[in-house]
Amino acid sequence: MTRPLSVSTTDGDLLARAKAGEFRAFEELVTRHEGRVYATALGILRHREDAEDVVQTVFLNAFEHLREFREEAAFSTWVTRIAINTALKVIRKRKGLRLVTGHGGANGEEGAIPHPEFIAPWRDDPVRMVEQRHLRRALDRVIAALPEKHRLVFLLRDVEGLSVRETAAALAISEANVKVRLLRARLALREKLTRLFGDDRRRVAADHAHEGSGNATPAAHLLQSYRKDRRPHR
């Protein structure tokens, strides 16, 4: 007799039952994780139809290779990695080339790291702000507006939690380029977020230091809350 499914059934139990041939258990895994996979694909591709295609491809691949999954990571982590690789393939197909814009070091990133131009205290608590839906949409738009090479590194490294080495391998760039692009992305995001949410009446002059590159700024707290909310359970 097939055991009933419930919200308290763990992913591990569902996975075991799916591997044993219970398709309903796999359907429940899809239901639980398709939103997260879609968000990952959409963050990379910025195109809804392509992201929807990726979701279908991800779960088809997961079903076909289910018995090969050794469960060294959580199911959510596994399908997220499949989503990343599938979405990056779509980007490469769009361009007809590999995502390579520099090898061998940080020299692929031209120019000096930009200094902040807008520094001001924020008007509200950043952790509370990220819980507001319209502000989350604004944050999504700010991230989407980053240059693609910086946005991809930020999404893979900071949102999806890949290591520097894994991010470099996924994008076919050097680890040094990953670090430089990530710094550029973080600085650009914090500048844009401060312009959106900073108190212009309390703006202070830039001192030509890399303000916001640490973890103490309001923008950093906002991004940290955003990352925690979007990362898959491991």
C-alpha atoms as a PDB file:
ATOM      1  CA  MET A   1       0.000   0.000   0.000  1.00  0.00           C
ATOM      2  CA  THR A   2       1.367   3.424  -0.943  1.00  0.00           C
ATOM      3  CA  ARG A   3       2.006   5.651   2.034  1.00  0.00           C
ATOM      4  CA  PRO A   4       0.292   9.062   1.948  1.00  0.00           C
ATOM      5  CA  LEU A   5       2.290  12.231   1.305  1.00  0.00           C
ATOM      6  CA  SER A   6       2.157  15.203   3.644  1.00  0.00           C
ATOM      7  CA  VAL A   7       3.927  18.507   4.169  1.00  0.00           C
ATOM      8  CA  SER A   8       5.886  16.867   6.984  1.00  0.00           C
ATOM      9  CA  THR A   9       7.326  14.229   4.648  1.00  0.00           C
ATOM     10  CA  THR A  10      11.015  15.084   4.206  1.00  0.00           C
ATOM     11  CA  ASP A  11      12.741  15.475   0.878  1.00  0.00           C
ATOM     12  CA  GLY A  12      14.928  12.518   1.815  1.00  0.00           C
ATOM     13  CA  ASP A  13      11.901  10.282   2.288  1.00  0.00           C
ATOM     14  CA  LEU A  14      10.340  11.512  -0.936  1.00  0.00           C
ATOM     15  CA  LEU A  15      13.585  10.879  -2.764  1.00  0.00           C
ATOM     16  CA  ALA A  16      13.832   7.325  -1.453  1.00  0.00           C
ATOM     17  CA  ARG A  17      10.254   6.622  -2.504  1.00  0.00           C
ATOM     18  CA  ALA A  18      10.816   8.208  -5.914  1.00  0.00           C
ATOM     19  CA  LYS A  19      13.901   6.057  -6.468  1.00  0.00           C
ATOM     20  CA  ALA A  20      11.780   3.025  -5.575  1.00  0.00           C
ATOM     21  CA  GLY A  21       9.440   3.896  -8.433  1.00  0.00           C
ATOM     22  CA  GLU A  22       6.764   5.989  -6.719  1.00  0.00           C
ATOM     23  CA  PHE A  23       6.178   8.734  -9.279  1.00  0.00           C
ATOM     24  CA  ARG A  24       3.825  10.616  -6.969  1.00  0.00           C
ATOM     25  CA  ALA A  25       6.753  11.202  -4.602  1.00  0.00           C
ATOM     26  CA  PHE A  26       8.797  12.705  -7.437  1.00  0.00           C
ATOM     27  CA  GLU A  27       5.860  14.942  -8.380  1.00  0.00           C
ATOM     28  CA  GLU A  28       5.828  16.238  -4.818  1.00  0.00           C
ATOM     29  CA  LEU A  29       9.556  17.044  -5.055  1.00  0.00           C
ATOM     30  CA  VAL A  30       8.861  18.969  -8.254  1.00  0.00           C
ATOM     31  CA  THR A  31       6.045  20.896  -6.577  1.00  0.00           C
ATOM     32  CA  ARG A  32       8.282  21.812  -3.659  1.00  0.00           C
ATOM     33  CA  HIS A  33      11.262  22.968  -5.696  1.00  0.00           C
ATOM     34  CA  GLU A  34      10.040  24.178  -9.093  1.00  0.00           C
ATOM     35  CA  GLY A  35       9.616  27.754  -7.803  1.00  0.00           C
ATOM     36  CA  ARG A  36      13.204  27.867  -6.601  1.00  0.00           C
ATOM     37  CA  VAL A  37      14.508  26.391  -9.854  1.00  0.00           C
ATOM     38  CA  TYR A  38      12.465  28.908 -11.861  1.00  0.00           C
ATOM     39  CA  ALA A  39      13.821  31.811  -9.803  1.00  0.00           C
ATOM     40  CA  THR A  40      17.383  30.619 -10.389  1.00  0.00           C
ATOM     41  CA  ALA A  41      16.863  30.264 -14.140  1.00  0.00           C
ATOM     42  CA  LEU A  42      15.069  33.600 -14.429  1.00  0.00           C
ATOM     43  CA  GLY A  43      17.832  35.357 -12.492  1.00  0.00           C
ATOM     44  CA  ILE A  44      20.381  34.116 -15.006  1.00  0.00           C
ATOM     45  CA  LEU A  45      18.360  34.373 -18.221  1.00  0.00           C
ATOM     46  CA  ARG A  46      16.017  37.364 -17.574  1.00  0.00           C
ATOM     47  CA  HIS A  47      13.475  35.769 -19.930  1.00  0.00           C
ATOM     48  CA  ARG A  48      10.358  34.025 -18.620  1.00  0.00           C
ATOM     49  CA  GLU A  49       9.821  31.589 -21.482  1.00  0.00           C
ATOM     50  CA  ASP A  50      13.452  30.460 -21.407  1.00  0.00           C
ATOM     51  CA  ALA A  51      13.277  30.062 -17.627  1.00  0.00           C
ATOM     52  CA  GLU A  52      10.128  27.928 -17.938  1.00  0.00           C
ATOM     53  CA  ASP A  53      11.886  25.729 -20.511  1.00  0.00           C
ATOM     54  CA  VAL A  54      14.815  25.335 -18.127  1.00  0.00           C
ATOM     55  CA  VAL A  55      12.479  24.192 -15.328  1.00  0.00           C
ATOM     56  CA  GLN A  56      11.093  21.441 -17.550  1.00  0.00           C
ATOM     57  CA  THR A  57      14.564  20.385 -18.672  1.00  0.00           C
ATOM     58  CA  VAL A  58      15.880  20.343 -15.098  1.00  0.00           C
ATOM     59  CA  PHE A  59      13.211  18.030 -13.745  1.00  0.00           C
ATOM     60  CA  LEU A  60      13.289  15.779 -16.797  1.00  0.00           C
ATOM     61  CA  ASN A  61      17.048  15.395 -16.311  1.00  0.00           C
ATOM     62  CA  ALA A  62      16.596  14.880 -12.582  1.00  0.00           C
ATOM     63  CA  PHE A  63      14.003  12.146 -13.180  1.00  0.00           C
ATOM     64  CA  GLU A  64      16.174  10.402 -15.777  1.00  0.00           C
ATOM     65  CA  HIS A  65      19.220  10.434 -13.480  1.00  0.00           C
ATOM     66  CA  LEU A  66      17.441   9.991 -10.160  1.00  0.00           C
ATOM     67  CA  ARG A  67      18.995   6.625  -9.361  1.00  0.00           C
ATOM     68  CA  GLU A  68      22.468   8.065 -10.023  1.00  0.00           C
ATOM     69  CA  PHE A  69      22.012  10.832  -7.437  1.00  0.00           C
ATOM     70  CA  ARG A  70      24.172   9.817  -4.467  1.00  0.00           C
ATOM     71  CA  GLU A  71      22.608  12.326  -2.070  1.00  0.00           C
ATOM     72  CA  GLU A  72      25.950  13.872  -1.104  1.00  0.00           C
ATOM     73  CA  ALA A  73      24.047  17.167  -1.214  1.00  0.00           C
ATOM     74  CA  ALA A  74      20.381  18.040  -0.656  1.00  0.00           C
ATOM     75  CA  PHE A  75      17.948  17.447  -3.519  1.00  0.00           C
ATOM     76  CA  SER A  76      17.351  21.211  -3.688  1.00  0.00           C
ATOM     77  CA  THR A  77      21.071  21.841  -4.146  1.00  0.00           C
ATOM     78  CA  TRP A  78      21.305  19.168  -6.836  1.00  0.00           C
ATOM     79  CA  VAL A  79      18.468  20.522  -8.965  1.00  0.00           C
ATOM     80  CA  THR A  80      19.694  24.096  -8.467  1.00  0.00           C
ATOM     81  CA  ARG A  81      23.096  23.120  -9.883  1.00  0.00           C
ATOM     82  CA  ILE A  82      21.368  21.456 -12.831  1.00  0.00           C
ATOM     83  CA  ALA A  83      19.368  24.664 -13.344  1.00  0.00           C
ATOM     84  CA  ILE A  84      22.518  26.796 -13.324  1.00  0.00           C
ATOM     85  CA  ASN A  85      24.272  24.610 -15.887  1.00  0.00           C
ATOM     86  CA  THR A  86      21.176  24.412 -18.098  1.00  0.00           C
ATOM     87  CA  ALA A  87      20.618  28.179 -18.004  1.00  0.00           C
ATOM     88  CA  LEU A  88      24.260  28.892 -18.817  1.00  0.00           C
ATOM     89  CA  LYS A  89      23.987  26.584 -21.829  1.00  0.00           C
ATOM     90  CA  VAL A  90      21.046  28.667 -23.045  1.00  0.00           C
ATOM     91  CA  ILE A  91      23.151  31.833 -22.768  1.00  0.00           C
ATOM     92  CA  ARG A  92      26.018  30.226 -24.681  1.00  0.00           C
ATOM     93  CA  LYS A  93      23.589  29.086 -27.366  1.00  0.00           C
ATOM     94  CA  ARG A  94      22.174  32.615 -27.637  1.00  0.00           C
ATOM     95  CA  LYS A  95      25.627  34.024 -28.234  1.00  0.00           C
ATOM     96  CA  GLY A  96      26.980  31.111 -30.231  1.00  0.00           C
ATOM     97  CA  LEU A  97      30.118  31.175 -28.103  1.00  0.00           C
ATOM     98  CA  ARG A  98      31.483  30.385 -24.665  1.00  0.00           C
ATOM     99  CA  LEU A  99      31.122  32.790 -21.763  1.00  0.00           C
ATOM    100  CA  VAL A 100      34.768  33.795 -21.886  1.00  0.00           C
ATOM    101  CA  THR A 101      35.968  37.403 -21.703  1.00  0.00           C
ATOM    102  CA  GLY A 102      39.417  37.053 -20.225  1.00  0.00           C
ATOM    103  CA  HIS A 103      41.813  34.401 -18.904  1.00  0.00           C
ATOM    104  CA  GLY A 104      44.836  34.102 -16.720  1.00  0.00           C
ATOM    105  CA  GLY A 105      44.055  36.680 -14.073  1.00  0.00           C
ATOM    106  CA  ALA A 106      42.162  39.841 -13.316  1.00  0.00           C
ATOM    107  CA  ASN A 107      43.317  41.481 -16.553  1.00  0.00           C
ATOM    108  CA  GLY A 108      40.024  40.551 -18.203  1.00  0.00           C
ATOM    109  CA  GLU A 109      38.433  43.250 -16.037  1.00  0.00           C
ATOM    110  CA  GLU A 110      39.620  46.542 -17.429  1.00  0.00           C
ATOM    111  CA  GLY A 111      39.927  49.756 -15.446  1.00  0.00           C
ATOM    112  CA  ALA A 112      40.132  50.595 -11.770  1.00  0.00           C
ATOM    113  CA  ILE A 113      37.505  49.511  -9.241  1.00  0.00           C
ATOM    114  CA  PRO A 114      35.013  52.425  -9.122  1.00  0.00           C
ATOM    115  CA  HIS A 115      34.657  54.526  -5.982  1.00  0.00           C
ATOM    116  CA  PRO A 116      31.206  55.209  -4.493  1.00  0.00           C
ATOM    117  CA  GLU A 117      29.628  58.534  -5.376  1.00  0.00           C
ATOM    118  CA  PHE A 118      26.536  58.396  -3.176  1.00  0.00           C
ATOM    119  CA  ILE A 119      26.967  57.651   0.542  1.00  0.00           C
ATOM    120  CA  ALA A 120      24.124  58.244   2.996  1.00  0.00           C
ATOM    121  CA  PRO A 121      22.351  56.569   5.933  1.00  0.00           C
ATOM    122  CA  TRP A 122      19.260  54.611   4.909  1.00  0.00           C
ATOM    123  CA  ARG A 123      15.704  55.669   5.667  1.00  0.00           C
ATOM    124  CA  ASP A 124      14.639  52.285   7.073  1.00  0.00           C
ATOM    125  CA  ASP A 125      15.980  49.043   8.507  1.00  0.00           C
ATOM    126  CA  PRO A 126      17.318  46.939   5.569  1.00  0.00           C
ATOM    127  CA  VAL A 127      16.332  43.574   7.065  1.00  0.00           C
ATOM    128  CA  ARG A 128      12.722  44.726   7.450  1.00  0.00           C
ATOM    129  CA  MET A 129      12.799  46.251   3.978  1.00  0.00           C
ATOM    130  CA  VAL A 130      13.634  42.985   2.207  1.00  0.00           C
ATOM    131  CA  GLU A 131      10.465  41.447   3.649  1.00  0.00           C
ATOM    132  CA  GLN A 132       8.351  43.937   1.702  1.00  0.00           C
ATOM    133  CA  ARG A 133       7.341  42.530  -1.659  1.00  0.00           C
ATOM    134  CA  HIS A 134       7.641  45.733  -3.698  1.00  0.00           C
ATOM    135  CA  LEU A 135      11.148  46.324  -2.331  1.00  0.00           C
ATOM    136  CA  ARG A 136      12.142  42.790  -3.214  1.00  0.00           C
ATOM    137  CA  ARG A 137      10.986  43.472  -6.771  1.00  0.00           C
ATOM    138  CA  ALA A 138      13.066  46.658  -6.782  1.00  0.00           C
ATOM    139  CA  LEU A 139      16.078  44.639  -5.626  1.00  0.00           C
ATOM    140  CA  ASP A 140      15.469  42.098  -8.400  1.00  0.00           C
ATOM    141  CA  ARG A 141      15.459  44.952 -10.924  1.00  0.00           C
ATOM    142  CA  VAL A 142      18.706  46.388  -9.572  1.00  0.00           C
ATOM    143  CA  ILE A 143      20.405  43.006  -9.850  1.00  0.00           C
ATOM    144  CA  ALA A 144      18.998  42.483 -13.347  1.00  0.00           C
ATOM    145  CA  ALA A 145      20.462  45.835 -14.438  1.00  0.00           C
ATOM    146  CA  LEU A 146      24.036  44.743 -13.709  1.00  0.00           C
ATOM    147  CA  PRO A 147      26.236  43.975 -16.731  1.00  0.00           C
ATOM    148  CA  GLU A 148      25.725  40.298 -17.526  1.00  0.00           C
ATOM    149  CA  LYS A 149      29.261  39.175 -16.620  1.00  0.00           C
ATOM    150  CA  HIS A 150      28.969  40.813 -13.180  1.00  0.00           C
ATOM    151  CA  ARG A 151      25.370  39.691 -12.621  1.00  0.00           C
ATOM    152  CA  LEU A 152      26.180  36.044 -13.348  1.00  0.00           C
ATOM    153  CA  VAL A 153      29.098  36.004 -10.934  1.00  0.00           C
ATOM    154  CA  PHE A 154      26.987  37.659  -8.226  1.00  0.00           C
ATOM    155  CA  LEU A 155      24.133  35.184  -8.708  1.00  0.00           C
ATOM    156  CA  LEU A 156      26.347  32.097  -8.744  1.00  0.00           C
ATOM    157  CA  ARG A 157      28.702  33.168  -5.973  1.00  0.00           C
ATOM    158  CA  ASP A 158      26.555  35.206  -3.587  1.00  0.00           C
ATOM    159  CA  VAL A 159      23.003  33.989  -4.216  1.00  0.00           C
ATOM    160  CA  GLU A 160      23.496  30.331  -5.154  1.00  0.00           C
ATOM    161  CA  GLY A 161      26.491  29.885  -2.863  1.00  0.00           C
ATOM    162  CA  LEU A 162      28.953  28.360  -5.344  1.00  0.00           C
ATOM    163  CA  SER A 163      32.608  28.540  -4.396  1.00  0.00           C
ATOM    164  CA  VAL A 164      35.056  30.735  -6.309  1.00  0.00           C
ATOM    165  CA  ARG A 165      36.402  27.628  -8.037  1.00  0.00           C
ATOM    166  CA  GLU A 166      32.924  26.358  -8.962  1.00  0.00           C
ATOM    167  CA  THR A 167      31.889  29.771 -10.277  1.00  0.00           C
ATOM    168  CA  ALA A 168      35.046  30.038 -12.373  1.00  0.00           C
ATOM    169  CA  ALA A 169      34.455  26.570 -13.833  1.00  0.00           C
ATOM    170  CA  ALA A 170      30.780  27.281 -14.584  1.00  0.00           C
ATOM    171  CA  LEU A 171      31.603  30.507 -16.442  1.00  0.00           C
ATOM    172  CA  ALA A 172      34.914  29.317 -17.949  1.00  0.00           C
ATOM    173  CA  ILE A 173      36.870  32.254 -16.500  1.00  0.00           C
ATOM    174  CA  SER A 174      39.764  32.479 -14.050  1.00  0.00           C
ATOM    175  CA  GLU A 175      39.267  32.529 -10.286  1.00  0.00           C
ATOM    176  CA  ALA A 176      40.908  35.967 -10.220  1.00  0.00           C
ATOM    177  CA  ASN A 177      38.271  37.261 -12.631  1.00  0.00           C
ATOM    178  CA  VAL A 178      35.536  35.817 -10.428  1.00  0.00           C
ATOM    179  CA  LYS A 179      36.847  37.793  -7.454  1.00  0.00           C
ATOM    180  CA  VAL A 180      37.176  41.049  -9.394  1.00  0.00           C
ATOM    181  CA  ARG A 181      33.760  40.743 -11.025  1.00  0.00           C
ATOM    182  CA  LEU A 182      32.146  39.904  -7.698  1.00  0.00           C
ATOM    183  CA  LEU A 183      33.678  42.990  -6.086  1.00  0.00           C
ATOM    184  CA  ARG A 184      32.478  45.150  -8.958  1.00  0.00           C
ATOM    185  CA  ALA A 185      28.982  43.666  -8.704  1.00  0.00           C
ATOM    186  CA  ARG A 186      28.776  44.191  -4.933  1.00  0.00           C
ATOM    187  CA  LEU A 187      29.988  47.780  -5.152  1.00  0.00           C
ATOM    188  CA  ALA A 188      27.616  48.590  -8.008  1.00  0.00           C
ATOM    189  CA  LEU A 189      24.669  47.054  -6.172  1.00  0.00           C
ATOM    190  CA  ARG A 190      25.388  48.925  -2.956  1.00  0.00           C
ATOM    191  CA  GLU A 191      25.727  52.205  -4.826  1.00  0.00           C
ATOM    192  CA  LYS A 192      22.410  51.653  -6.633  1.00  0.00           C
ATOM    193  CA  LEU A 193      20.629  50.525  -3.466  1.00  0.00           C
ATOM    194  CA  THR A 194      21.893  53.507  -1.501  1.00  0.00           C
ATOM    195  CA  ARG A 195      20.628  55.821  -4.245  1.00  0.00           C
ATOM    196  CA  LEU A 196      17.216  54.116  -3.954  1.00  0.00           C
ATOM    197  CA  PHE A 197      16.921  53.886  -0.186  1.00  0.00           C
ATOM    198  CA  GLY A 198      19.468  56.333   1.213  1.00  0.00           C
ATOM    199  CA  ASP A 199      18.419  59.545   2.948  1.00  0.00           C
ATOM    200  CA  ASP A 200      19.540  62.265   0.540  1.00  0.00           C
ATOM    201  CA  ARG A 201      19.282  64.904   3.298  1.00  0.00           C
ATOM    202  CA  ARG A 202      22.017  63.106   5.253  1.00  0.00           C
ATOM    203  CA  ARG A 203      24.310  62.371   2.327  1.00  0.00           C
ATOM    204  CA  VAL A 204      28.035  62.524   3.095  1.00  0.00           C
ATOM    205  CA  ALA A 205      30.928  63.164   0.744  1.00  0.00           C
ATOM    206  CA  ALA A 206      32.732  60.182  -0.744  1.00  0.00           C
ATOM    207  CA  ASP A 207      36.228  59.771   0.673  1.00  0.00           C
ATOM    208  CA  HIS A 208      37.523  57.724  -2.284  1.00  0.00           C
ATOM    209  CA  ALA A 209      37.655  54.569  -0.209  1.00  0.00           C
ATOM    210  CA  HIS A 210      35.742  51.495  -1.292  1.00  0.00           C
ATOM    211  CA  GLU A 211      32.805  52.146   0.976  1.00  0.00           C
ATOM    212  CA  GLY A 212      30.423  49.214   1.074  1.00  0.00           C
ATOM    213  CA  SER A 213      33.016  46.542   0.268  1.00  0.00           C
ATOM    214  CA  GLY A 214      32.748  45.237   3.822  1.00  0.00           C
ATOM    215  CA  ASN A 215      29.778  43.741   5.626  1.00  0.00           C
ATOM    216  CA  ALA A 216      28.614  46.670   7.787  1.00  0.00           C
ATOM    217  CA  THR A 217      26.656  48.791   5.295  1.00  0.00           C
ATOM    218  CA  PRO A 218      22.844  48.808   5.094  1.00  0.00           C
ATOM    219  CA  ALA A 219      23.094  47.564   1.505  1.00  0.00           C
ATOM    220  CA  ALA A 220      25.205  44.636   2.680  1.00  0.00           C
ATOM    221  CA  HIS A 221      22.571  43.691   5.255  1.00  0.00           C
ATOM    222  CA  LEU A 222      19.826  43.960   2.633  1.00  0.00           C
ATOM    223  CA  LEU A 223      21.723  41.753   0.191  1.00  0.00           C
ATOM    224  CA  GLN A 224      22.508  39.263   2.942  1.00  0.00           C
ATOM    225  CA  SER A 225      18.811  38.944   3.809  1.00  0.00           C
ATOM    226  CA  TYR A 226      17.992  38.592   0.108  1.00  0.00           C
ATOM    227  CA  ARG A 227      20.579  35.832  -0.317  1.00  0.00           C
ATOM    228  CA  LYS A 228      19.334  33.888   2.703  1.00  0.00           C
ATOM    229  CA  ASP A 229      15.782  34.017   1.404  1.00  0.00           C
ATOM    230  CA  ARG A 230      16.702  32.841  -2.104  1.00  0.00           C
ATOM    231  CA  ARG A 231      19.276  30.160  -1.402  1.00  0.00           C
ATOM    232  CA  PRO A 232      18.048  26.547  -1.482  1.00  0.00           C
ATOM    233  CA  HIS A 233      17.936  24.519   1.716  1.00  0.00           C
ATOM    234  CA  ARG A 234      21.044  22.339   1.862  1.00  0.00           C
END
